[in-house]
C-alpha atoms as a PDB file:
ATOM      1  CA  MET A   1      26.975  18.427  33.203  1.00  0.00           C
ATOM      2  CA  THR A   2      24.783  19.821  30.464  1.00  0.00           C
ATOM      3  CA  ARG A   3      25.438  19.568  26.758  1.00  0.00           C
ATOM      4  CA  GLN A   4      24.236  22.080  24.225  1.00  0.00           C
ATOM      5  CA  GLY A   5      20.567  21.395  23.601  1.00  0.00           C
ATOM      6  CA  GLY A   6      19.854  20.878  27.289  1.00  0.00           C
ATOM      7  CA  VAL A   7      20.905  17.217  27.560  1.00  0.00           C
ATOM      8  CA  VAL A   8      21.906  16.602  31.199  1.00  0.00           C
ATOM      9  CA  ASP A   9      24.454  13.891  31.958  1.00  0.00           C
ATOM     10  CA  THR A  10      23.817  11.443  34.803  1.00  0.00           C
ATOM     11  CA  TYR A  11      26.630  10.257  37.059  1.00  0.00           C
ATOM     12  CA  THR A  12      26.006   6.522  37.320  1.00  0.00           C
ATOM     13  CA  HIS A  13      27.813   6.076  40.652  1.00  0.00           C
ATOM     14  CA  GLY A  14      26.668   9.118  42.616  1.00  0.00           C
ATOM     15  CA  HIS A  15      28.429  10.207  45.803  1.00  0.00           C
ATOM     16  CA  ALA A  16      27.294   7.725  48.453  1.00  0.00           C
ATOM     17  CA  ASP A  17      29.963   6.871  51.010  1.00  0.00           C
ATOM     18  CA  ALA A  18      30.392   3.401  49.496  1.00  0.00           C
ATOM     19  CA  VAL A  19      31.402   5.131  46.250  1.00  0.00           C
ATOM     20  CA  LEU A  20      33.723   7.661  47.880  1.00  0.00           C
ATOM     21  CA  GLN A  21      35.280   4.754  49.780  1.00  0.00           C
ATOM     22  CA  SER A  22      36.894   3.657  46.526  1.00  0.00           C
ATOM     23  CA  HIS A  23      37.571   7.172  45.240  1.00  0.00           C
ATOM     24  CA  ARG A  24      39.527   8.066  48.400  1.00  0.00           C
ATOM     25  CA  TRP A  25      42.049   5.334  47.585  1.00  0.00           C
ATOM     26  CA  ARG A  26      43.125   6.931  44.313  1.00  0.00           C
ATOM     27  CA  THR A  27      46.519   8.605  43.967  1.00  0.00           C
ATOM     28  CA  VAL A  28      48.805   9.593  41.117  1.00  0.00           C
ATOM     29  CA  GLU A  29      50.760   6.385  41.691  1.00  0.00           C
ATOM     30  CA  ASN A  30      47.826   3.991  41.382  1.00  0.00           C
ATOM     31  CA  SER A  31      45.614   5.985  39.009  1.00  0.00           C
ATOM     32  CA  ALA A  32      47.800   8.338  36.931  1.00  0.00           C
ATOM     33  CA  ALA A  33      51.211   6.681  36.749  1.00  0.00           C
ATOM     34  CA  TYR A  34      51.233   7.242  32.970  1.00  0.00           C
ATOM     35  CA  LEU A  35      51.184  11.002  33.623  1.00  0.00           C
ATOM     36  CA  ALA A  36      53.630  11.101  36.547  1.00  0.00           C
ATOM     37  CA  PRO A  37      56.873  11.318  34.504  1.00  0.00           C
ATOM     38  CA  HIS A  38      55.590  14.488  32.838  1.00  0.00           C
ATOM     39  CA  LEU A  39      54.879  16.361  36.080  1.00  0.00           C
ATOM     40  CA  ARG A  40      57.338  18.918  37.441  1.00  0.00           C
ATOM     41  CA  PRO A  41      57.292  21.879  39.825  1.00  0.00           C
ATOM     42  CA  GLY A  42      55.644  25.004  38.460  1.00  0.00           C
ATOM     43  CA  LEU A  43      53.125  23.404  36.106  1.00  0.00           C
ATOM     44  CA  ASP A  44      49.522  24.641  36.208  1.00  0.00           C
ATOM     45  CA  VAL A  45      47.035  21.751  36.367  1.00  0.00           C
ATOM     46  CA  LEU A  46      43.271  21.415  35.939  1.00  0.00           C
ATOM     47  CA  ASP A  47      41.791  18.187  37.345  1.00  0.00           C
ATOM     48  CA  VAL A  48      38.364  17.608  35.769  1.00  0.00           C
ATOM     49  CA  GLY A  49      36.033  15.377  37.787  1.00  0.00           C
ATOM     50  CA  CYS A  50      38.167  15.605  40.923  1.00  0.00           C
ATOM     51  CA  GLY A  51      35.721  13.996  43.384  1.00  0.00           C
ATOM     52  CA  PRO A  52      37.119  13.892  46.947  1.00  0.00           C
ATOM     53  CA  GLY A  53      40.415  15.242  45.656  1.00  0.00           C
ATOM     54  CA  THR A  54      42.956  12.559  46.484  1.00  0.00           C
ATOM     55  CA  ILE A  55      44.501  12.575  43.001  1.00  0.00           C
ATOM     56  CA  THR A  56      44.216  16.377  42.820  1.00  0.00           C
ATOM     57  CA  VAL A  57      46.073  16.886  46.084  1.00  0.00           C
ATOM     58  CA  ASP A  58      48.757  14.436  44.961  1.00  0.00           C
ATOM     59  CA  LEU A  59      49.115  16.324  41.686  1.00  0.00           C
ATOM     60  CA  ALA A  60      49.415  19.599  43.596  1.00  0.00           C
ATOM     61  CA  ALA A  61      52.218  18.256  45.774  1.00  0.00           C
ATOM     62  CA  ARG A  62      54.144  17.235  42.665  1.00  0.00           C
ATOM     63  CA  VAL A  63      53.768  20.515  40.743  1.00  0.00           C
ATOM     64  CA  ALA A  64      53.958  23.059  43.583  1.00  0.00           C
ATOM     65  CA  PRO A  65      54.211  26.029  43.360  1.00  0.00           C
ATOM     66  CA  GLY A  66      52.126  25.633  40.189  1.00  0.00           C
ATOM     67  CA  ARG A  67      48.436  26.475  40.246  1.00  0.00           C
ATOM     68  CA  VAL A  68      46.091  23.500  40.657  1.00  0.00           C
ATOM     69  CA  VAL A  69      42.311  23.599  40.190  1.00  0.00           C
ATOM     70  CA  GLY A  70      40.040  20.651  40.986  1.00  0.00           C
ATOM     71  CA  LEU A  71      36.654  20.759  39.264  1.00  0.00           C
ATOM     72  CA  ASP A  72      33.637  18.538  39.804  1.00  0.00           C
ATOM     73  CA  ALA A  73      30.079  18.611  38.495  1.00  0.00           C
ATOM     74  CA  SER A  74      28.802  18.185  42.060  1.00  0.00           C
ATOM     75  CA  ALA A  75      29.567  20.131  45.223  1.00  0.00           C
ATOM     76  CA  ALA A  76      28.990  16.980  47.317  1.00  0.00           C
ATOM     77  CA  PRO A  77      32.617  15.752  47.567  1.00  0.00           C
ATOM     78  CA  LEU A  78      34.373  19.127  47.526  1.00  0.00           C
ATOM     79  CA  ASP A  79      34.334  19.948  51.244  1.00  0.00           C
ATOM     80  CA  GLU A  80      36.152  16.675  51.833  1.00  0.00           C
ATOM     81  CA  ALA A  81      38.606  17.584  49.064  1.00  0.00           C
ATOM     82  CA  ARG A  82      39.288  20.985  50.622  1.00  0.00           C
ATOM     83  CA  ALA A  83      39.852  19.398  54.033  1.00  0.00           C
ATOM     84  CA  LEU A  84      42.354  16.956  52.528  1.00  0.00           C
ATOM     85  CA  ALA A  85      44.266  19.775  50.816  1.00  0.00           C
ATOM     86  CA  ALA A  86      44.427  21.675  54.105  1.00  0.00           C
ATOM     87  CA  GLN A  87      45.572  18.567  55.949  1.00  0.00           C
ATOM     88  CA  GLN A  88      48.335  17.968  53.374  1.00  0.00           C
ATOM     89  CA  ASP A  89      49.211  21.683  53.333  1.00  0.00           C
ATOM     90  CA  VAL A  90      48.972  22.033  49.557  1.00  0.00           C
ATOM     91  CA  ALA A  91      47.318  24.847  47.619  1.00  0.00           C
ATOM     92  CA  VAL A  92      44.360  23.677  45.543  1.00  0.00           C
ATOM     93  CA  GLU A  93      41.287  25.570  44.368  1.00  0.00           C
ATOM     94  CA  PHE A  94      38.201  23.324  44.297  1.00  0.00           C
ATOM     95  CA  THR A  95      35.157  24.440  42.336  1.00  0.00           C
ATOM     96  CA  VAL A  96      31.917  23.202  40.780  1.00  0.00           C
ATOM     97  CA  GLY A  97      31.971  23.316  37.015  1.00  0.00           C
ATOM     98  CA  ASP A  98      30.894  21.842  33.701  1.00  0.00           C
ATOM     99  CA  ALA A  99      33.342  19.824  31.591  1.00  0.00           C
ATOM    100  CA  TYR A 100      31.561  21.028  28.451  1.00  0.00           C
ATOM    101  CA  ARG A 101      31.924  24.709  29.410  1.00  0.00           C
ATOM    102  CA  LEU A 102      35.092  25.211  31.440  1.00  0.00           C
ATOM    103  CA  GLU A 103      35.219  28.663  33.009  1.00  0.00           C
ATOM    104  CA  HIS A 104      38.823  29.271  32.001  1.00  0.00           C
ATOM    105  CA  ALA A 105      40.412  31.162  29.151  1.00  0.00           C
ATOM    106  CA  ASP A 106      42.097  29.433  26.252  1.00  0.00           C
ATOM    107  CA  ALA A 107      45.565  28.074  27.076  1.00  0.00           C
ATOM    108  CA  SER A 108      45.215  28.416  30.862  1.00  0.00           C
ATOM    109  CA  PHE A 109      46.866  25.162  32.012  1.00  0.00           C
ATOM    110  CA  ASP A 110      49.910  23.054  31.245  1.00  0.00           C
ATOM    111  CA  VAL A 111      48.114  19.813  32.134  1.00  0.00           C
ATOM    112  CA  VAL A 112      44.390  19.019  31.968  1.00  0.00           C
ATOM    113  CA  HIS A 113      43.647  15.707  33.676  1.00  0.00           C
ATOM    114  CA  ALA A 114      40.474  13.626  33.878  1.00  0.00           C
ATOM    115  CA  HIS A 115      40.304  10.248  35.625  1.00  0.00           C
ATOM    116  CA  GLN A 116      37.221   8.043  35.104  1.00  0.00           C
ATOM    117  CA  VAL A 117      35.234  10.970  33.680  1.00  0.00           C
ATOM    118  CA  LEU A 118      34.679  10.451  29.953  1.00  0.00           C
ATOM    119  CA  GLN A 119      32.862   7.141  30.516  1.00  0.00           C
ATOM    120  CA  HIS A 120      30.037   9.046  32.237  1.00  0.00           C
ATOM    121  CA  LEU A 121      29.533  11.706  29.560  1.00  0.00           C
ATOM    122  CA  THR A 122      27.018  11.608  26.742  1.00  0.00           C
ATOM    123  CA  ASP A 123      29.435  13.578  24.539  1.00  0.00           C
ATOM    124  CA  PRO A 124      33.033  12.727  25.504  1.00  0.00           C
ATOM    125  CA  VAL A 125      34.330  14.137  22.229  1.00  0.00           C
ATOM    126  CA  ALA A 126      32.996  17.599  23.064  1.00  0.00           C
ATOM    127  CA  ALA A 127      34.550  17.371  26.537  1.00  0.00           C
ATOM    128  CA  LEU A 128      37.931  16.470  25.043  1.00  0.00           C
ATOM    129  CA  ARG A 129      37.766  19.467  22.708  1.00  0.00           C
ATOM    130  CA  GLU A 130      37.007  21.710  25.684  1.00  0.00           C
ATOM    131  CA  MET A 131      39.865  20.265  27.733  1.00  0.00           C
ATOM    132  CA  ALA A 132      42.218  20.851  24.818  1.00  0.00           C
ATOM    133  CA  ARG A 133      40.970  24.448  24.513  1.00  0.00           C
ATOM    134  CA  VAL A 134      42.134  25.366  28.009  1.00  0.00           C
ATOM    135  CA  CYS A 135      45.443  23.517  27.618  1.00  0.00           C
ATOM    136  CA  ARG A 136      48.515  25.512  26.592  1.00  0.00           C
ATOM    137  CA  PRO A 137      50.334  24.736  23.334  1.00  0.00           C
ATOM    138  CA  GLY A 138      52.810  21.970  24.087  1.00  0.00           C
ATOM    139  CA  GLY A 139      50.829  20.946  27.163  1.00  0.00           C
ATOM    140  CA  LEU A 140      49.103  17.656  27.898  1.00  0.00           C
ATOM    141  CA  VAL A 141      45.531  16.456  28.167  1.00  0.00           C
ATOM    142  CA  ALA A 142      45.647  13.236  30.197  1.00  0.00           C
ATOM    143  CA  VAL A 143      42.610  10.947  30.411  1.00  0.00           C
ATOM    144  CA  ARG A 144      42.116   7.473  31.879  1.00  0.00           C
ATOM    145  CA  ASP A 145      38.959   5.355  31.869  1.00  0.00           C
ATOM    146  CA  VAL A 146      38.080   1.798  32.782  1.00  0.00           C
ATOM    147  CA  ASP A 147      36.813  -0.742  30.268  1.00  0.00           C
ATOM    148  CA  TYR A 148      34.122  -2.600  32.212  1.00  0.00           C
ATOM    149  CA  ALA A 149      33.697  -5.382  29.660  1.00  0.00           C
ATOM    150  CA  ALA A 150      37.360  -6.281  30.185  1.00  0.00           C
ATOM    151  CA  THR A 151      36.889  -6.729  33.943  1.00  0.00           C
ATOM    152  CA  THR A 152      37.588 -10.302  35.011  1.00  0.00           C
ATOM    153  CA  TRP A 153      37.605 -12.235  38.264  1.00  0.00           C
ATOM    154  CA  HIS A 154      38.057 -15.588  39.950  1.00  0.00           C
ATOM    155  CA  PRO A 155      36.354 -17.700  41.161  1.00  0.00           C
ATOM    156  CA  ALA A 156      33.397 -17.719  38.778  1.00  0.00           C
ATOM    157  CA  ASN A 157      30.331 -16.126  40.295  1.00  0.00           C
ATOM    158  CA  PRO A 158      26.957 -15.819  38.487  1.00  0.00           C
ATOM    159  CA  GLY A 159      26.072 -12.890  40.736  1.00  0.00           C
ATOM    160  CA  LEU A 160      29.063 -10.915  39.492  1.00  0.00           C
ATOM    161  CA  ASP A 161      28.179 -11.853  35.904  1.00  0.00           C
ATOM    162  CA  ARG A 162      24.771 -10.302  36.552  1.00  0.00           C
ATOM    163  CA  TRP A 163      26.378  -7.273  38.231  1.00  0.00           C
ATOM    164  CA  LEU A 164      28.530  -6.552  35.171  1.00  0.00           C
ATOM    165  CA  GLN A 165      25.564  -6.913  32.822  1.00  0.00           C
ATOM    166  CA  LEU A 166      23.427  -4.659  35.013  1.00  0.00           C
ATOM    167  CA  TYR A 167      26.095  -2.009  35.443  1.00  0.00           C
ATOM    168  CA  SER A 168      26.541  -1.794  31.669  1.00  0.00           C
ATOM    169  CA  SER A 169      22.780  -1.566  31.170  1.00  0.00           C
ATOM    170  CA  VAL A 170      22.397   1.240  33.716  1.00  0.00           C
ATOM    171  CA  ALA A 171      25.321   3.211  32.278  1.00  0.00           C
ATOM    172  CA  ARG A 172      24.002   2.910  28.729  1.00  0.00           C
ATOM    173  CA  HIS A 173      20.511   3.842  29.909  1.00  0.00           C
ATOM    174  CA  ASN A 174      22.171   7.059  31.111  1.00  0.00           C
ATOM    175  CA  GLY A 175      23.657   7.631  27.657  1.00  0.00           C
ATOM    176  CA  ALA A 176      27.146   6.798  28.935  1.00  0.00           C
ATOM    177  CA  GLU A 177      29.774   4.292  27.763  1.00  0.00           C
ATOM    178  CA  PRO A 178      30.971   1.741  30.361  1.00  0.00           C
ATOM    179  CA  ASP A 179      33.599   0.326  27.983  1.00  0.00           C
ATOM    180  CA  ALA A 180      35.217   3.722  27.511  1.00  0.00           C
ATOM    181  CA  GLY A 181      38.799   2.509  27.850  1.00  0.00           C
ATOM    182  CA  ARG A 182      38.934   0.966  24.389  1.00  0.00           C
ATOM    183  CA  ARG A 183      37.268   4.014  22.822  1.00  0.00           C
ATOM    184  CA  LEU A 184      39.492   6.799  24.151  1.00  0.00           C
ATOM    185  CA  LEU A 185      41.755   6.900  21.113  1.00  0.00           C
ATOM    186  CA  SER A 186      38.825   7.091  18.698  1.00  0.00           C
ATOM    187  CA  TRP A 187      37.266   9.879  20.775  1.00  0.00           C
ATOM    188  CA  ALA A 188      40.504  11.866  20.694  1.00  0.00           C
ATOM    189  CA  HIS A 189      40.714  11.472  16.922  1.00  0.00           C
ATOM    190  CA  ALA A 190      37.084  12.558  16.550  1.00  0.00           C
ATOM    191  CA  ALA A 191      37.944  15.664  18.587  1.00  0.00           C
ATOM    192  CA  GLY A 192      40.681  16.508  16.085  1.00  0.00           C
ATOM    193  CA  LEU A 193      43.484  15.532  18.470  1.00  0.00           C
ATOM    194  CA  ARG A 194      46.140  13.484  16.671  1.00  0.00           C
ATOM    195  CA  ASP A 195      49.333  13.786  18.754  1.00  0.00           C
ATOM    196  CA  VAL A 196      48.288  10.990  21.088  1.00  0.00           C
ATOM    197  CA  THR A 197      50.105   8.290  23.063  1.00  0.00           C
ATOM    198  CA  ALA A 198      47.761   5.458  24.068  1.00  0.00           C
ATOM    199  CA  THR A 199      48.590   3.012  26.861  1.00  0.00           C
ATOM    200  CA  THR A 200      46.820   0.709  29.282  1.00  0.00           C
ATOM    201  CA  GLY A 201      46.897   0.328  33.040  1.00  0.00           C
ATOM    202  CA  ALA A 202      45.224  -2.066  35.456  1.00  0.00           C
ATOM    203  CA  TRP A 203      43.947  -2.386  38.989  1.00  0.00           C
ATOM    204  CA  CYS A 204      44.215  -5.751  40.708  1.00  0.00           C
ATOM    205  CA  TYR A 205      42.506  -6.739  43.958  1.00  0.00           C
ATOM    206  CA  ALA A 206      43.712 -10.034  45.374  1.00  0.00           C
ATOM    207  CA  SER A 207      44.907  -9.721  48.976  1.00  0.00           C
ATOM    208  CA  PRO A 208      42.390 -10.276  51.806  1.00  0.00           C
ATOM    209  CA  ALA A 209      42.447  -6.554  52.630  1.00  0.00           C
ATOM    210  CA  GLU A 210      41.970  -5.523  48.993  1.00  0.00           C
ATOM    211  CA  ARG A 211      39.117  -7.973  48.501  1.00  0.00           C
ATOM    212  CA  GLU A 212      37.377  -6.841  51.683  1.00  0.00           C
ATOM    213  CA  TRP A 213      37.724  -3.189  50.686  1.00  0.00           C
ATOM    214  CA  TRP A 214      36.588  -3.558  47.068  1.00  0.00           C
ATOM    215  CA  GLY A 215      33.909  -6.150  47.803  1.00  0.00           C
ATOM    216  CA  SER A 216      32.378  -4.119  50.632  1.00  0.00           C
ATOM    217  CA  SER A 217      32.440  -0.992  48.479  1.00  0.00           C
ATOM    218  CA  TRP A 218      30.464  -2.660  45.704  1.00  0.00           C
ATOM    219  CA  ALA A 219      28.161  -4.467  48.132  1.00  0.00           C
ATOM    220  CA  GLY A 220      27.258  -1.027  49.454  1.00  0.00           C
ATOM    221  CA  ARG A 221      26.884   0.483  45.999  1.00  0.00           C
ATOM    222  CA  ALA A 222      24.638  -2.375  44.896  1.00  0.00           C
ATOM    223  CA  THR A 223      22.026  -1.504  47.500  1.00  0.00           C
ATOM    224  CA  ALA A 224      22.537   2.131  48.556  1.00  0.00           C
ATOM    225  CA  SER A 225      23.861   4.380  45.806  1.00  0.00           C
ATOM    226  CA  ALA A 226      22.764   6.317  42.747  1.00  0.00           C
ATOM    227  CA  PHE A 227      23.531   3.198  40.691  1.00  0.00           C
ATOM    228  CA  ALA A 228      21.035   1.179  42.742  1.00  0.00           C
ATOM    229  CA  GLU A 229      18.401   3.907  42.541  1.00  0.00           C
ATOM    230  CA  GLN A 230      18.852   4.266  38.785  1.00  0.00           C
ATOM    231  CA  ALA A 231      18.664   0.495  38.232  1.00  0.00           C
ATOM    232  CA  VAL A 232      15.323   0.278  40.028  1.00  0.00           C
ATOM    233  CA  ALA A 233      13.896   3.469  38.524  1.00  0.00           C
ATOM    234  CA  ALA A 234      14.711   2.267  35.001  1.00  0.00           C
ATOM    235  CA  GLY A 235      13.113  -1.117  35.635  1.00  0.00           C
ATOM    236  CA  LEU A 236      16.438  -2.876  35.101  1.00  0.00           C
ATOM    237  CA  ALA A 237      16.544  -4.564  38.520  1.00  0.00           C
ATOM    238  CA  THR A 238      14.484  -5.044  41.662  1.00  0.00           C
ATOM    239  CA  PRO A 239      15.671  -4.288  45.211  1.00  0.00           C
ATOM    240  CA  ALA A 240      15.746  -8.047  45.855  1.00  0.00           C
ATOM    241  CA  GLU A 241      18.046  -8.570  42.851  1.00  0.00           C
ATOM    242  CA  LEU A 242      20.322  -5.796  44.046  1.00  0.00           C
ATOM    243  CA  GLN A 243      20.567  -7.457  47.434  1.00  0.00           C
ATOM    244  CA  GLU A 244      21.649 -10.647  45.678  1.00  0.00           C
ATOM    245  CA  LEU A 245      24.422  -8.691  43.934  1.00  0.00           C
ATOM    246  CA  ALA A 246      25.619  -7.373  47.282  1.00  0.00           C
ATOM    247  CA  VAL A 247      25.775 -10.944  48.604  1.00  0.00           C
ATOM    248  CA  ALA A 248      27.741 -12.016  45.526  1.00  0.00           C
ATOM    249  CA  TRP A 249      30.334  -9.308  46.135  1.00  0.00           C
ATOM    250  CA  LEU A 250      30.754 -10.357  49.756  1.00  0.00           C
ATOM    251  CA  GLU A 251      31.081 -14.004  48.719  1.00  0.00           C
ATOM    252  CA  TRP A 252      33.838 -13.073  46.284  1.00  0.00           C
ATOM    253  CA  ALA A 253      35.598 -10.980  48.912  1.00  0.00           C
ATOM    254  CA  ALA A 254      35.536 -13.888  51.370  1.00  0.00           C
ATOM    255  CA  SER A 255      37.104 -16.336  48.902  1.00  0.00           C
ATOM    256  CA  ASP A 256      40.721 -17.158  49.736  1.00  0.00           C
ATOM    257  CA  ASP A 257      41.376 -17.493  45.985  1.00  0.00           C
ATOM    258  CA  GLY A 258      39.521 -14.312  45.067  1.00  0.00           C
ATOM    259  CA  TRP A 259      41.141 -12.156  42.374  1.00  0.00           C
ATOM    260  CA  LEU A 260      39.816  -9.294  40.251  1.00  0.00           C
ATOM    261  CA  GLY A 261      41.434  -7.251  37.493  1.00  0.00           C
ATOM    262  CA  MET A 262      40.195  -4.054  35.826  1.00  0.00           C
ATOM    263  CA  LEU A 263      41.717  -2.795  32.573  1.00  0.00           C
ATOM    264  CA  HIS A 264      41.964   0.943  31.831  1.00  0.00           C
ATOM    265  CA  GLY A 265      42.674   2.882  28.674  1.00  0.00           C
ATOM    266  CA  GLU A 266      44.996   5.878  29.031  1.00  0.00           C
ATOM    267  CA  LEU A 267      45.825   8.772  26.704  1.00  0.00           C
ATOM    268  CA  LEU A 268      48.470  11.462  26.781  1.00  0.00           C
ATOM    269  CA  ILE A 269      47.420  14.074  24.222  1.00  0.00           C
ATOM    270  CA  ARG A 270      49.966  16.720  23.258  1.00  0.00           C
ATOM    271  CA  VAL A 271      48.135  19.932  22.400  1.00  0.00           C
END
């Protein structure tokens, strides 16, 4: 996505399969439960930063026959998203677009949703203003972002301490904000949006299957993803250090007592 002045945002994660492995797990239930009570048949929904479309398709099933558009800055995950919509037999339009310059008229949608998007933008306030522009009066802008600094785990692992420090450094090198969850309310206020309900949500990975899934995802991301490439290119880590992070994730996943929690900030903004 490109801000005015030619500043180009960088997606810290990229679209490697190890990244999409985690994105494919996301649904309305586990990633947008705060929005679910406000969904009903016939609503028109724009899903900004839709990725492989699992949340988008779930939204579409809940608001059918309303119009649903999934937008992503990259075309890379959209064929998978279209295949999922076809498999689930729901109508969704997937398109490449820019969160700063949405190609929709004012007041086009009842709900504008963005999950784990604002944390990657260099100007989240501008993106919120744009999302509000295309939302109908009385409609909702719904955003949810993780707060990486609030991530916690057991047992203690110096490799995961280093991972968290490195992830934050890479994200901030990209001009992004890894601790976005705690800042969402202030960003909404800065965008001139005052009718806001702020909540929190959490992900927890503790069962053997959950630990294997999450640990293997991040072990893969640590060595073969845009995050890994950016860390090396910026001089923030060496390939050997990244390999050590991958080992740390697999060690955590193998621990019978392993537990990890991730806190998220959530906003429902009435336009």
